[in-house]
């Protein structure tokens, strides 16, 4: 009998939605890290996690189980940063539909793994996340591993909501929550350190910029 998180002998013959395949999947609790935003005047926490139902290399999880864990945690909205290519690669091609079937609202803001978003995409995403949190709605953001892109978005959100929060302080807080691998690339690290400068440039280049720091 294979270990709980081992891969089937012939994974190509399975789809991520196959119930019989779930018998060999890792059914441990799906981990969501909850970022405390009380210091930036938000009572609701933001969830950060990896890709639910992911099946890649040594990771072999059940999408059905992971969505159940998310529902049990009260998750109402998910911001997915993965591309369609990634969802296929990690064997959850119907993830967005599965979110809908689970009554979880999904917001799609994809950009490449290890990369950074455009300022336009980021600002729209941050405004949508903050609107959700202030309602309040229990909201989660995820990429593939929940360490690079997701953490970048969360750090920028903290800096947007607290104009006095230094980039390094926000990164430290994120690494305390998600581990030292949070913020994975030099490009992402530099983006965060230049975030406020780029934000001012973004505002000045838009004729009717929305007030994103209120």
C-alpha atoms as a PDB file:
ATOM      1  CA  UNK A   1       0.000   0.000   0.000  1.00  0.00           C
ATOM      2  CA  UNK A   2       1.583   3.341  -1.061  1.00  0.00           C
ATOM      3  CA  UNK A   3       2.059   6.194   1.394  1.00  0.00           C
ATOM      4  CA  UNK A   4      -0.752   8.738   1.683  1.00  0.00           C
ATOM      5  CA  UNK A   5       1.032  11.364  -0.389  1.00  0.00           C
ATOM      6  CA  UNK A   6       2.684   9.051  -2.945  1.00  0.00           C
ATOM      7  CA  UNK A   7       1.820   9.224  -6.619  1.00  0.00           C
ATOM      8  CA  UNK A   8      -0.075   6.456  -8.412  1.00  0.00           C
ATOM      9  CA  UNK A   9       1.994   4.137 -10.555  1.00  0.00           C
ATOM     10  CA  UNK A  10       0.505   5.574 -13.731  1.00  0.00           C
ATOM     11  CA  UNK A  11      -0.559   9.173 -12.987  1.00  0.00           C
ATOM     12  CA  UNK A  12      -1.210   9.938 -16.655  1.00  0.00           C
ATOM     13  CA  UNK A  13      -4.268   7.681 -16.536  1.00  0.00           C
ATOM     14  CA  UNK A  14      -5.945   9.819 -13.894  1.00  0.00           C
ATOM     15  CA  UNK A  15      -7.622  13.202 -13.812  1.00  0.00           C
ATOM     16  CA  UNK A  16      -7.589  15.404 -10.714  1.00  0.00           C
ATOM     17  CA  UNK A  17     -11.325  14.867 -10.294  1.00  0.00           C
ATOM     18  CA  UNK A  18     -11.201  11.027 -10.223  1.00  0.00           C
ATOM     19  CA  UNK A  19     -12.632   9.880  -6.902  1.00  0.00           C
ATOM     20  CA  UNK A  20     -10.802   6.552  -6.954  1.00  0.00           C
ATOM     21  CA  UNK A  21      -7.491   8.402  -7.299  1.00  0.00           C
ATOM     22  CA  UNK A  22      -8.274  10.353  -4.136  1.00  0.00           C
ATOM     23  CA  UNK A  23      -7.849   7.166  -2.155  1.00  0.00           C
ATOM     24  CA  UNK A  24      -4.097   7.517  -2.736  1.00  0.00           C
ATOM     25  CA  UNK A  25      -3.966  11.279  -2.157  1.00  0.00           C
ATOM     26  CA  UNK A  26      -2.621  13.216   0.806  1.00  0.00           C
ATOM     27  CA  UNK A  27      -5.677  13.944   2.964  1.00  0.00           C
ATOM     28  CA  UNK A  28      -3.931  15.993   5.612  1.00  0.00           C
ATOM     29  CA  UNK A  29      -5.531  19.334   6.465  1.00  0.00           C
ATOM     30  CA  UNK A  30      -5.044  21.853   3.658  1.00  0.00           C
ATOM     31  CA  UNK A  31      -2.845  24.592   5.092  1.00  0.00           C
ATOM     32  CA  UNK A  32      -3.929  28.221   4.918  1.00  0.00           C
ATOM     33  CA  UNK A  33      -1.839  30.895   6.633  1.00  0.00           C
ATOM     34  CA  UNK A  34      -3.924  33.788   7.940  1.00  0.00           C
ATOM     35  CA  UNK A  35      -2.305  37.221   7.747  1.00  0.00           C
ATOM     36  CA  UNK A  36      -3.321  39.488  10.633  1.00  0.00           C
ATOM     37  CA  UNK A  37      -4.196  42.911   9.212  1.00  0.00           C
ATOM     38  CA  UNK A  38      -5.367  44.514  12.461  1.00  0.00           C
ATOM     39  CA  UNK A  39      -2.288  46.788  12.407  1.00  0.00           C
ATOM     40  CA  UNK A  40      -3.569  48.294   9.154  1.00  0.00           C
ATOM     41  CA  UNK A  41      -7.112  48.845  10.455  1.00  0.00           C
ATOM     42  CA  UNK A  42      -8.663  45.708   8.985  1.00  0.00           C
ATOM     43  CA  UNK A  43     -10.369  43.234  11.300  1.00  0.00           C
ATOM     44  CA  UNK A  44     -10.559  40.453   8.691  1.00  0.00           C
ATOM     45  CA  UNK A  45      -7.485  38.307   8.028  1.00  0.00           C
ATOM     46  CA  UNK A  46      -6.211  37.446   4.550  1.00  0.00           C
ATOM     47  CA  UNK A  47      -5.538  33.792   3.778  1.00  0.00           C
ATOM     48  CA  UNK A  48      -2.454  32.722   1.820  1.00  0.00           C
ATOM     49  CA  UNK A  49      -1.996  29.188   0.539  1.00  0.00           C
ATOM     50  CA  UNK A  50      -0.640  26.956  -2.171  1.00  0.00           C
ATOM     51  CA  UNK A  51      -2.605  25.400  -5.009  1.00  0.00           C
ATOM     52  CA  UNK A  52      -5.440  23.155  -3.763  1.00  0.00           C
ATOM     53  CA  UNK A  53      -5.554  19.700  -5.292  1.00  0.00           C
ATOM     54  CA  UNK A  54      -2.001  20.054  -6.616  1.00  0.00           C
ATOM     55  CA  UNK A  55      -0.464  16.871  -8.078  1.00  0.00           C
ATOM     56  CA  UNK A  56       3.145  17.421  -9.029  1.00  0.00           C
ATOM     57  CA  UNK A  57       6.324  15.532  -8.105  1.00  0.00           C
ATOM     58  CA  UNK A  58       6.056  14.507  -4.424  1.00  0.00           C
ATOM     59  CA  UNK A  59       2.826  16.447  -3.855  1.00  0.00           C
ATOM     60  CA  UNK A  60      -0.366  14.477  -4.524  1.00  0.00           C
ATOM     61  CA  UNK A  61      -3.435  16.025  -2.963  1.00  0.00           C
ATOM     62  CA  UNK A  62      -7.180  15.599  -3.314  1.00  0.00           C
ATOM     63  CA  UNK A  63      -8.915  18.653  -4.757  1.00  0.00           C
ATOM     64  CA  UNK A  64     -12.223  17.548  -3.263  1.00  0.00           C
ATOM     65  CA  UNK A  65     -10.638  17.269   0.190  1.00  0.00           C
ATOM     66  CA  UNK A  66      -8.780  20.583  -0.087  1.00  0.00           C
ATOM     67  CA  UNK A  67     -11.919  22.452  -1.154  1.00  0.00           C
ATOM     68  CA  UNK A  68     -13.748  20.896   1.773  1.00  0.00           C
ATOM     69  CA  UNK A  69     -11.007  22.196   4.103  1.00  0.00           C
ATOM     70  CA  UNK A  70     -11.346  25.659   2.590  1.00  0.00           C
ATOM     71  CA  UNK A  71     -15.101  25.628   3.068  1.00  0.00           C
ATOM     72  CA  UNK A  72     -14.685  24.451   6.666  1.00  0.00           C
ATOM     73  CA  UNK A  73     -12.357  27.423   7.214  1.00  0.00           C
ATOM     74  CA  UNK A  74     -15.135  29.728   6.035  1.00  0.00           C
ATOM     75  CA  UNK A  75     -13.469  30.757   2.766  1.00  0.00           C
ATOM     76  CA  UNK A  76     -15.883  32.722   0.569  1.00  0.00           C
ATOM     77  CA  UNK A  77     -13.615  34.224  -2.101  1.00  0.00           C
ATOM     78  CA  UNK A  78     -10.388  33.097  -3.755  1.00  0.00           C
ATOM     79  CA  UNK A  79      -7.909  35.118  -5.791  1.00  0.00           C
ATOM     80  CA  UNK A  80      -6.114  32.705  -8.132  1.00  0.00           C
ATOM     81  CA  UNK A  81      -2.783  33.866  -9.598  1.00  0.00           C
ATOM     82  CA  UNK A  82      -2.103  30.729 -11.670  1.00  0.00           C
ATOM     83  CA  UNK A  83      -2.353  30.532 -15.455  1.00  0.00           C
ATOM     84  CA  UNK A  84      -4.345  27.903 -17.332  1.00  0.00           C
ATOM     85  CA  UNK A  85      -1.054  26.279 -18.245  1.00  0.00           C
ATOM     86  CA  UNK A  86      -0.145  25.909 -14.594  1.00  0.00           C
ATOM     87  CA  UNK A  87      -3.539  24.471 -13.698  1.00  0.00           C
ATOM     88  CA  UNK A  88      -3.040  21.844 -16.390  1.00  0.00           C
ATOM     89  CA  UNK A  89       0.558  21.161 -15.346  1.00  0.00           C
ATOM     90  CA  UNK A  90      -0.408  20.654 -11.716  1.00  0.00           C
ATOM     91  CA  UNK A  91      -3.424  18.512 -12.683  1.00  0.00           C
ATOM     92  CA  UNK A  92      -6.276  20.774 -11.573  1.00  0.00           C
ATOM     93  CA  UNK A  93      -7.566  21.916 -14.993  1.00  0.00           C
ATOM     94  CA  UNK A  94     -11.127  22.393 -13.703  1.00  0.00           C
ATOM     95  CA  UNK A  95     -10.154  24.265 -10.546  1.00  0.00           C
ATOM     96  CA  UNK A  96     -12.078  27.429 -11.371  1.00  0.00           C
ATOM     97  CA  UNK A  97     -15.238  25.458 -12.110  1.00  0.00           C
ATOM     98  CA  UNK A  98     -14.744  23.429  -8.939  1.00  0.00           C
ATOM     99  CA  UNK A  99     -14.579  26.649  -6.926  1.00  0.00           C
ATOM    100  CA  UNK A 100     -17.924  27.652  -8.373  1.00  0.00           C
ATOM    101  CA  UNK A 101     -19.442  24.258  -7.605  1.00  0.00           C
ATOM    102  CA  UNK A 102     -18.254  24.707  -4.000  1.00  0.00           C
ATOM    103  CA  UNK A 103     -19.916  28.159  -3.823  1.00  0.00           C
ATOM    104  CA  UNK A 104     -16.557  29.904  -3.583  1.00  0.00           C
ATOM    105  CA  UNK A 105     -16.295  33.058  -5.679  1.00  0.00           C
ATOM    106  CA  UNK A 106     -13.113  33.094  -7.756  1.00  0.00           C
ATOM    107  CA  UNK A 107     -11.197  36.143  -8.981  1.00  0.00           C
ATOM    108  CA  UNK A 108      -8.602  35.510 -11.684  1.00  0.00           C
ATOM    109  CA  UNK A 109      -5.431  37.606 -11.726  1.00  0.00           C
ATOM    110  CA  UNK A 110      -2.759  35.426 -13.300  1.00  0.00           C
ATOM    111  CA  UNK A 111       0.859  36.352 -13.908  1.00  0.00           C
ATOM    112  CA  UNK A 112       3.907  34.075 -14.411  1.00  0.00           C
ATOM    113  CA  UNK A 113       5.579  32.155 -11.608  1.00  0.00           C
ATOM    114  CA  UNK A 114       8.605  34.013 -10.242  1.00  0.00           C
ATOM    115  CA  UNK A 115       7.534  37.222 -11.972  1.00  0.00           C
ATOM    116  CA  UNK A 116       5.748  40.414 -10.905  1.00  0.00           C
ATOM    117  CA  UNK A 117       2.417  41.840 -12.079  1.00  0.00           C
ATOM    118  CA  UNK A 118       1.907  45.052 -13.997  1.00  0.00           C
ATOM    119  CA  UNK A 119       0.965  47.969 -11.747  1.00  0.00           C
ATOM    120  CA  UNK A 120      -2.457  48.149 -13.389  1.00  0.00           C
ATOM    121  CA  UNK A 121      -3.180  44.500 -12.659  1.00  0.00           C
ATOM    122  CA  UNK A 122      -1.814  44.763  -9.125  1.00  0.00           C
ATOM    123  CA  UNK A 123      -3.807  47.878  -8.236  1.00  0.00           C
ATOM    124  CA  UNK A 124      -7.062  46.362  -9.459  1.00  0.00           C
ATOM    125  CA  UNK A 125      -6.324  43.180  -7.520  1.00  0.00           C
ATOM    126  CA  UNK A 126      -5.441  45.006  -4.298  1.00  0.00           C
ATOM    127  CA  UNK A 127      -8.570  47.126  -4.467  1.00  0.00           C
ATOM    128  CA  UNK A 128     -10.726  44.027  -5.012  1.00  0.00           C
ATOM    129  CA  UNK A 129      -9.038  42.162  -2.146  1.00  0.00           C
ATOM    130  CA  UNK A 130      -9.433  45.087   0.215  1.00  0.00           C
ATOM    131  CA  UNK A 131     -13.084  45.564  -0.739  1.00  0.00           C
ATOM    132  CA  UNK A 132     -13.690  41.909   0.114  1.00  0.00           C
ATOM    133  CA  UNK A 133     -11.903  42.152   3.447  1.00  0.00           C
ATOM    134  CA  UNK A 134     -13.777  45.277   4.478  1.00  0.00           C
ATOM    135  CA  UNK A 135     -17.224  43.776   3.782  1.00  0.00           C
ATOM    136  CA  UNK A 136     -16.010  41.509   5.496  1.00  0.00           C
ATOM    137  CA  UNK A 137     -15.598  38.352   3.404  1.00  0.00           C
ATOM    138  CA  UNK A 138     -13.148  35.589   4.240  1.00  0.00           C
ATOM    139  CA  UNK A 139     -10.694  35.792   1.362  1.00  0.00           C
ATOM    140  CA  UNK A 140      -7.708  33.708   0.218  1.00  0.00           C
ATOM    141  CA  UNK A 141      -5.015  34.444  -2.361  1.00  0.00           C
ATOM    142  CA  UNK A 142      -2.982  31.616  -3.870  1.00  0.00           C
ATOM    143  CA  UNK A 143      -0.449  30.841  -6.555  1.00  0.00           C
ATOM    144  CA  UNK A 144       1.300  27.479  -6.976  1.00  0.00           C
ATOM    145  CA  UNK A 145       3.305  27.282  -3.762  1.00  0.00           C
ATOM    146  CA  UNK A 146       1.885  30.239  -1.847  1.00  0.00           C
ATOM    147  CA  UNK A 147       5.375  31.708  -1.381  1.00  0.00           C
ATOM    148  CA  UNK A 148       6.254  33.993  -4.277  1.00  0.00           C
ATOM    149  CA  UNK A 149       3.418  35.707  -6.093  1.00  0.00           C
ATOM    150  CA  UNK A 150       0.861  35.380  -3.282  1.00  0.00           C
ATOM    151  CA  UNK A 151       3.255  36.784  -0.701  1.00  0.00           C
ATOM    152  CA  UNK A 152       4.191  39.659  -3.010  1.00  0.00           C
ATOM    153  CA  UNK A 153       0.523  40.598  -3.341  1.00  0.00           C
ATOM    154  CA  UNK A 154      -0.028  40.366   0.421  1.00  0.00           C
ATOM    155  CA  UNK A 155       3.030  42.514   1.191  1.00  0.00           C
ATOM    156  CA  UNK A 156       1.919  45.185  -1.272  1.00  0.00           C
ATOM    157  CA  UNK A 157      -1.547  45.116   0.281  1.00  0.00           C
ATOM    158  CA  UNK A 158      -0.078  45.785   3.727  1.00  0.00           C
ATOM    159  CA  UNK A 159       2.035  48.637   2.376  1.00  0.00           C
ATOM    160  CA  UNK A 160      -0.944  50.100   0.535  1.00  0.00           C
ATOM    161  CA  UNK A 161      -3.093  50.058   3.667  1.00  0.00           C
ATOM    162  CA  UNK A 162      -0.339  51.481   5.891  1.00  0.00           C
ATOM    163  CA  UNK A 163       1.721  54.209   4.249  1.00  0.00           C
ATOM    164  CA  UNK A 164       4.205  54.117   7.135  1.00  0.00           C
ATOM    165  CA  UNK A 165       4.985  50.403   6.800  1.00  0.00           C
ATOM    166  CA  UNK A 166       8.499  49.878   5.437  1.00  0.00           C
ATOM    167  CA  UNK A 167       9.056  47.288   2.720  1.00  0.00           C
ATOM    168  CA  UNK A 168      11.569  45.342   4.793  1.00  0.00           C
ATOM    169  CA  UNK A 169       9.227  45.269   7.781  1.00  0.00           C
ATOM    170  CA  UNK A 170       6.401  43.935   5.618  1.00  0.00           C
ATOM    171  CA  UNK A 171       8.677  41.255   4.146  1.00  0.00           C
ATOM    172  CA  UNK A 172       9.807  40.179   7.620  1.00  0.00           C
ATOM    173  CA  UNK A 173       6.183  39.876   8.721  1.00  0.00           C
ATOM    174  CA  UNK A 174       5.401  37.768   5.679  1.00  0.00           C
ATOM    175  CA  UNK A 175       8.373  35.469   6.262  1.00  0.00           C
ATOM    176  CA  UNK A 176       7.351  35.005   9.878  1.00  0.00           C
ATOM    177  CA  UNK A 177       4.001  33.793   8.576  1.00  0.00           C
ATOM    178  CA  UNK A 178       5.030  31.757   5.518  1.00  0.00           C
ATOM    179  CA  UNK A 179       8.679  30.930   6.160  1.00  0.00           C
ATOM    180  CA  UNK A 180      11.998  32.239   4.862  1.00  0.00           C
ATOM    181  CA  UNK A 181      11.211  31.195   1.282  1.00  0.00           C
ATOM    182  CA  UNK A 182       8.448  33.806   1.046  1.00  0.00           C
ATOM    183  CA  UNK A 183       9.214  36.392  -1.670  1.00  0.00           C
ATOM    184  CA  UNK A 184      11.221  34.055  -3.854  1.00  0.00           C
ATOM    185  CA  UNK A 185      13.012  36.022  -6.550  1.00  0.00           C
ATOM    186  CA  UNK A 186      15.226  39.094  -6.746  1.00  0.00           C
ATOM    187  CA  UNK A 187      12.691  40.593  -9.151  1.00  0.00           C
ATOM    188  CA  UNK A 188       9.898  40.204  -6.592  1.00  0.00           C
ATOM    189  CA  UNK A 189      12.068  41.562  -3.774  1.00  0.00           C
ATOM    190  CA  UNK A 190      13.046  44.626  -5.828  1.00  0.00           C
ATOM    191  CA  UNK A 191       9.447  45.173  -6.910  1.00  0.00           C
ATOM    192  CA  UNK A 192       8.330  45.391  -3.283  1.00  0.00           C
ATOM    193  CA  UNK A 193      11.105  47.825  -2.407  1.00  0.00           C
ATOM    194  CA  UNK A 194      10.139  50.019  -5.360  1.00  0.00           C
ATOM    195  CA  UNK A 195       6.392  49.610  -4.815  1.00  0.00           C
ATOM    196  CA  UNK A 196       5.630  53.050  -3.385  1.00  0.00           C
ATOM    197  CA  UNK A 197       7.649  54.819  -6.050  1.00  0.00           C
ATOM    198  CA  UNK A 198       5.856  52.863  -8.753  1.00  0.00           C
ATOM    199  CA  UNK A 199       2.507  53.543  -7.090  1.00  0.00           C
ATOM    200  CA  UNK A 200       3.034  57.288  -7.254  1.00  0.00           C
ATOM    201  CA  UNK A 201       4.066  56.996 -10.895  1.00  0.00           C
ATOM    202  CA  UNK A 202       1.000  54.875 -11.633  1.00  0.00           C
ATOM    203  CA  UNK A 203      -1.318  57.434 -10.030  1.00  0.00           C
ATOM    204  CA  UNK A 204       0.263  60.347 -11.898  1.00  0.00           C
ATOM    205  CA  UNK A 205      -0.152  58.590 -15.241  1.00  0.00           C
ATOM    206  CA  UNK A 206      -3.859  57.966 -14.786  1.00  0.00           C
ATOM    207  CA  UNK A 207      -6.270  60.775 -15.543  1.00  0.00           C
ATOM    208  CA  UNK A 208      -8.762  59.725 -12.866  1.00  0.00           C
ATOM    209  CA  UNK A 209      -6.892  57.473 -10.475  1.00  0.00           C
ATOM    210  CA  UNK A 210      -8.890  55.811  -7.748  1.00  0.00           C
ATOM    211  CA  UNK A 211      -7.871  56.662  -4.208  1.00  0.00           C
ATOM    212  CA  UNK A 212      -6.247  53.379  -3.263  1.00  0.00           C
ATOM    213  CA  UNK A 213      -4.762  54.497   0.048  1.00  0.00           C
ATOM    214  CA  UNK A 214      -7.889  55.766   1.772  1.00  0.00           C
END
